[in-house]
């Protein structure tokens, strides 16, 4: 069973750019990976450019077989399976963005995690 999440970045104008991630969205997995491996604006921007994910990993990686993914690389629906309509979306508010079980936002140089009810988790 999937634990869905959204991964986003608060932009200068206050909107949030985010992507969907299907598997392992709980803080002990996606939260830890984001905290340990996605610490720079450049890497976060590159992650968001991948679009929606099946699985978040330590490295963005390159295009690979969706059915037999390379270990340690993100698995993206658009890049790796050729799906369309997988690009990041823009939400005007945090509550608009929070549609999944866990929702991660890069804000002021740190990751914040919220559950679907808006409760914040410490990462």
C-alpha atoms as a PDB file:
ATOM      1  CA  UNK A   1       0.000   0.000   0.000  1.00  0.00           C
ATOM      2  CA  UNK A   2       1.254   3.464  -0.884  1.00  0.00           C
ATOM      3  CA  UNK A   3       1.884   6.332   1.501  1.00  0.00           C
ATOM      4  CA  UNK A   4       1.383   9.305  -0.778  1.00  0.00           C
ATOM      5  CA  UNK A   5       3.087  12.659  -0.340  1.00  0.00           C
ATOM      6  CA  UNK A   6       3.668  16.015  -2.005  1.00  0.00           C
ATOM      7  CA  UNK A   7       7.095  17.612  -2.129  1.00  0.00           C
ATOM      8  CA  UNK A   8       7.255  21.350  -2.659  1.00  0.00           C
ATOM      9  CA  UNK A   9       9.176  24.556  -2.384  1.00  0.00           C
ATOM     10  CA  UNK A  10       7.832  27.892  -1.228  1.00  0.00           C
ATOM     11  CA  UNK A  11       8.607  30.500  -3.883  1.00  0.00           C
ATOM     12  CA  UNK A  12       9.462  34.159  -3.338  1.00  0.00           C
ATOM     13  CA  UNK A  13       5.922  35.253  -4.245  1.00  0.00           C
ATOM     14  CA  UNK A  14       4.465  32.976  -1.530  1.00  0.00           C
ATOM     15  CA  UNK A  15       3.134  30.277  -3.859  1.00  0.00           C
ATOM     16  CA  UNK A  16       4.285  26.671  -3.570  1.00  0.00           C
ATOM     17  CA  UNK A  17       5.617  24.602  -6.452  1.00  0.00           C
ATOM     18  CA  UNK A  18       5.115  20.877  -5.746  1.00  0.00           C
ATOM     19  CA  UNK A  19       5.158  17.372  -7.141  1.00  0.00           C
ATOM     20  CA  UNK A  20       3.366  14.173  -6.150  1.00  0.00           C
ATOM     21  CA  UNK A  21       5.220  11.117  -4.807  1.00  0.00           C
ATOM     22  CA  UNK A  22       3.362   7.792  -4.657  1.00  0.00           C
ATOM     23  CA  UNK A  23       5.408   5.562  -2.343  1.00  0.00           C
ATOM     24  CA  UNK A  24       6.925   5.839   1.152  1.00  0.00           C
ATOM     25  CA  UNK A  25       5.861   9.404   1.903  1.00  0.00           C
ATOM     26  CA  UNK A  26       6.122   9.044   5.669  1.00  0.00           C
ATOM     27  CA  UNK A  27       8.691  11.201   7.529  1.00  0.00           C
ATOM     28  CA  UNK A  28      10.955   8.245   8.359  1.00  0.00           C
ATOM     29  CA  UNK A  29      11.530   7.665   4.633  1.00  0.00           C
ATOM     30  CA  UNK A  30      10.814  10.645   2.357  1.00  0.00           C
ATOM     31  CA  UNK A  31      11.354  13.107   5.182  1.00  0.00           C
ATOM     32  CA  UNK A  32      14.778  11.666   5.979  1.00  0.00           C
ATOM     33  CA  UNK A  33      15.810  11.533   2.317  1.00  0.00           C
ATOM     34  CA  UNK A  34      14.793  15.152   1.774  1.00  0.00           C
ATOM     35  CA  UNK A  35      16.533  16.298   4.942  1.00  0.00           C
ATOM     36  CA  UNK A  36      19.780  14.426   4.222  1.00  0.00           C
ATOM     37  CA  UNK A  37      20.070  14.628   0.426  1.00  0.00           C
ATOM     38  CA  UNK A  38      18.075  17.655  -0.785  1.00  0.00           C
ATOM     39  CA  UNK A  39      19.627  20.603   1.046  1.00  0.00           C
ATOM     40  CA  UNK A  40      20.342  23.064  -1.758  1.00  0.00           C
ATOM     41  CA  UNK A  41      18.038  25.179  -3.885  1.00  0.00           C
ATOM     42  CA  UNK A  42      19.649  23.750  -7.038  1.00  0.00           C
ATOM     43  CA  UNK A  43      19.015  20.125  -6.075  1.00  0.00           C
ATOM     44  CA  UNK A  44      15.460  20.857  -4.922  1.00  0.00           C
ATOM     45  CA  UNK A  45      14.734  22.717  -8.162  1.00  0.00           C
ATOM     46  CA  UNK A  46      16.116  19.769 -10.170  1.00  0.00           C
ATOM     47  CA  UNK A  47      13.895  17.372  -8.196  1.00  0.00           C
ATOM     48  CA  UNK A  48      10.812  19.475  -8.881  1.00  0.00           C
ATOM     49  CA  UNK A  49      11.712  19.592 -12.579  1.00  0.00           C
ATOM     50  CA  UNK A  50      11.412  15.785 -12.686  1.00  0.00           C
ATOM     51  CA  UNK A  51       7.698  16.094 -12.032  1.00  0.00           C
ATOM     52  CA  UNK A  52       5.586  13.522 -10.244  1.00  0.00           C
ATOM     53  CA  UNK A  53       7.419  10.556  -8.748  1.00  0.00           C
ATOM     54  CA  UNK A  54       6.674   6.959  -8.092  1.00  0.00           C
ATOM     55  CA  UNK A  55       9.587   6.796  -5.629  1.00  0.00           C
ATOM     56  CA  UNK A  56      11.930   9.364  -4.052  1.00  0.00           C
ATOM     57  CA  UNK A  57      15.580   8.350  -3.687  1.00  0.00           C
ATOM     58  CA  UNK A  58      18.905   9.880  -2.651  1.00  0.00           C
ATOM     59  CA  UNK A  59      19.868  10.851  -6.203  1.00  0.00           C
ATOM     60  CA  UNK A  60      17.827  12.273  -9.044  1.00  0.00           C
ATOM     61  CA  UNK A  61      19.727  10.039 -11.457  1.00  0.00           C
ATOM     62  CA  UNK A  62      19.077   9.791 -15.169  1.00  0.00           C
ATOM     63  CA  UNK A  63      16.404   8.140 -17.281  1.00  0.00           C
ATOM     64  CA  UNK A  64      16.140   4.434 -16.476  1.00  0.00           C
ATOM     65  CA  UNK A  65      13.688   1.557 -16.767  1.00  0.00           C
ATOM     66  CA  UNK A  66      10.573   2.272 -14.699  1.00  0.00           C
ATOM     67  CA  UNK A  67      10.021  -1.476 -14.164  1.00  0.00           C
ATOM     68  CA  UNK A  68      13.649  -2.141 -13.166  1.00  0.00           C
ATOM     69  CA  UNK A  69      14.889   1.101 -11.593  1.00  0.00           C
ATOM     70  CA  UNK A  70      18.504   1.856 -10.812  1.00  0.00           C
ATOM     71  CA  UNK A  71      19.208   1.628  -7.060  1.00  0.00           C
ATOM     72  CA  UNK A  72      19.397   4.998  -5.320  1.00  0.00           C
ATOM     73  CA  UNK A  73      17.751   6.936  -8.181  1.00  0.00           C
ATOM     74  CA  UNK A  74      14.363   8.626  -8.172  1.00  0.00           C
ATOM     75  CA  UNK A  75      11.680   6.962 -10.275  1.00  0.00           C
ATOM     76  CA  UNK A  76       9.710   9.583 -12.229  1.00  0.00           C
ATOM     77  CA  UNK A  77       6.475   8.993 -14.141  1.00  0.00           C
ATOM     78  CA  UNK A  78       7.351  11.362 -16.988  1.00  0.00           C
ATOM     79  CA  UNK A  79      11.068  10.755 -17.400  1.00  0.00           C
ATOM     80  CA  UNK A  80      11.101   7.000 -16.748  1.00  0.00           C
ATOM     81  CA  UNK A  81       7.685   5.828 -17.990  1.00  0.00           C
ATOM     82  CA  UNK A  82       6.891   8.504 -20.560  1.00  0.00           C
ATOM     83  CA  UNK A  83       3.651   9.697 -18.956  1.00  0.00           C
ATOM     84  CA  UNK A  84       2.297  13.171 -19.666  1.00  0.00           C
ATOM     85  CA  UNK A  85       0.763  15.738 -17.287  1.00  0.00           C
ATOM     86  CA  UNK A  86       3.321  15.011 -14.569  1.00  0.00           C
ATOM     87  CA  UNK A  87       4.865  18.470 -14.224  1.00  0.00           C
ATOM     88  CA  UNK A  88       4.999  20.342 -10.926  1.00  0.00           C
ATOM     89  CA  UNK A  89       1.964  22.371 -10.034  1.00  0.00           C
ATOM     90  CA  UNK A  90       1.656  25.746  -8.344  1.00  0.00           C
ATOM     91  CA  UNK A  91      -0.563  26.191  -5.265  1.00  0.00           C
ATOM     92  CA  UNK A  92      -1.480  29.614  -3.955  1.00  0.00           C
ATOM     93  CA  UNK A  93      -1.610  28.525  -0.306  1.00  0.00           C
ATOM     94  CA  UNK A  94      -0.200  25.798   1.910  1.00  0.00           C
ATOM     95  CA  UNK A  95      -3.675  24.385   2.535  1.00  0.00           C
ATOM     96  CA  UNK A  96      -4.264  24.171  -1.233  1.00  0.00           C
ATOM     97  CA  UNK A  97      -1.042  22.185  -1.618  1.00  0.00           C
ATOM     98  CA  UNK A  98      -1.748  19.757   1.244  1.00  0.00           C
ATOM     99  CA  UNK A  99      -3.719  16.991  -0.424  1.00  0.00           C
ATOM    100  CA  UNK A 100      -1.743  13.896   0.498  1.00  0.00           C
ATOM    101  CA  UNK A 101      -1.008  11.976   3.675  1.00  0.00           C
ATOM    102  CA  UNK A 102       2.292  13.863   4.099  1.00  0.00           C
ATOM    103  CA  UNK A 103       3.247  17.186   2.539  1.00  0.00           C
ATOM    104  CA  UNK A 104       6.814  18.524   2.512  1.00  0.00           C
ATOM    105  CA  UNK A 105       7.698  22.157   1.901  1.00  0.00           C
ATOM    106  CA  UNK A 106      11.181  23.678   1.594  1.00  0.00           C
ATOM    107  CA  UNK A 107      10.743  27.050   3.307  1.00  0.00           C
ATOM    108  CA  UNK A 108      13.446  29.473   4.486  1.00  0.00           C
ATOM    109  CA  UNK A 109      16.241  26.935   4.146  1.00  0.00           C
ATOM    110  CA  UNK A 110      14.619  23.973   5.888  1.00  0.00           C
ATOM    111  CA  UNK A 111      12.120  21.210   5.275  1.00  0.00           C
ATOM    112  CA  UNK A 112       8.735  21.283   6.970  1.00  0.00           C
ATOM    113  CA  UNK A 113       6.345  18.327   6.980  1.00  0.00           C
ATOM    114  CA  UNK A 114       2.566  18.499   7.432  1.00  0.00           C
ATOM    115  CA  UNK A 115       0.038  15.707   7.538  1.00  0.00           C
ATOM    116  CA  UNK A 116      -3.230  15.917   5.616  1.00  0.00           C
ATOM    117  CA  UNK A 117      -4.870  17.686   8.587  1.00  0.00           C
ATOM    118  CA  UNK A 118      -2.215  20.413   8.709  1.00  0.00           C
ATOM    119  CA  UNK A 119      -0.341  19.110  11.760  1.00  0.00           C
ATOM    120  CA  UNK A 120       3.358  19.907  11.445  1.00  0.00           C
ATOM    121  CA  UNK A 121       5.988  17.203  12.044  1.00  0.00           C
ATOM    122  CA  UNK A 122       9.555  17.923  13.082  1.00  0.00           C
ATOM    123  CA  UNK A 123      12.138  16.585  10.651  1.00  0.00           C
END
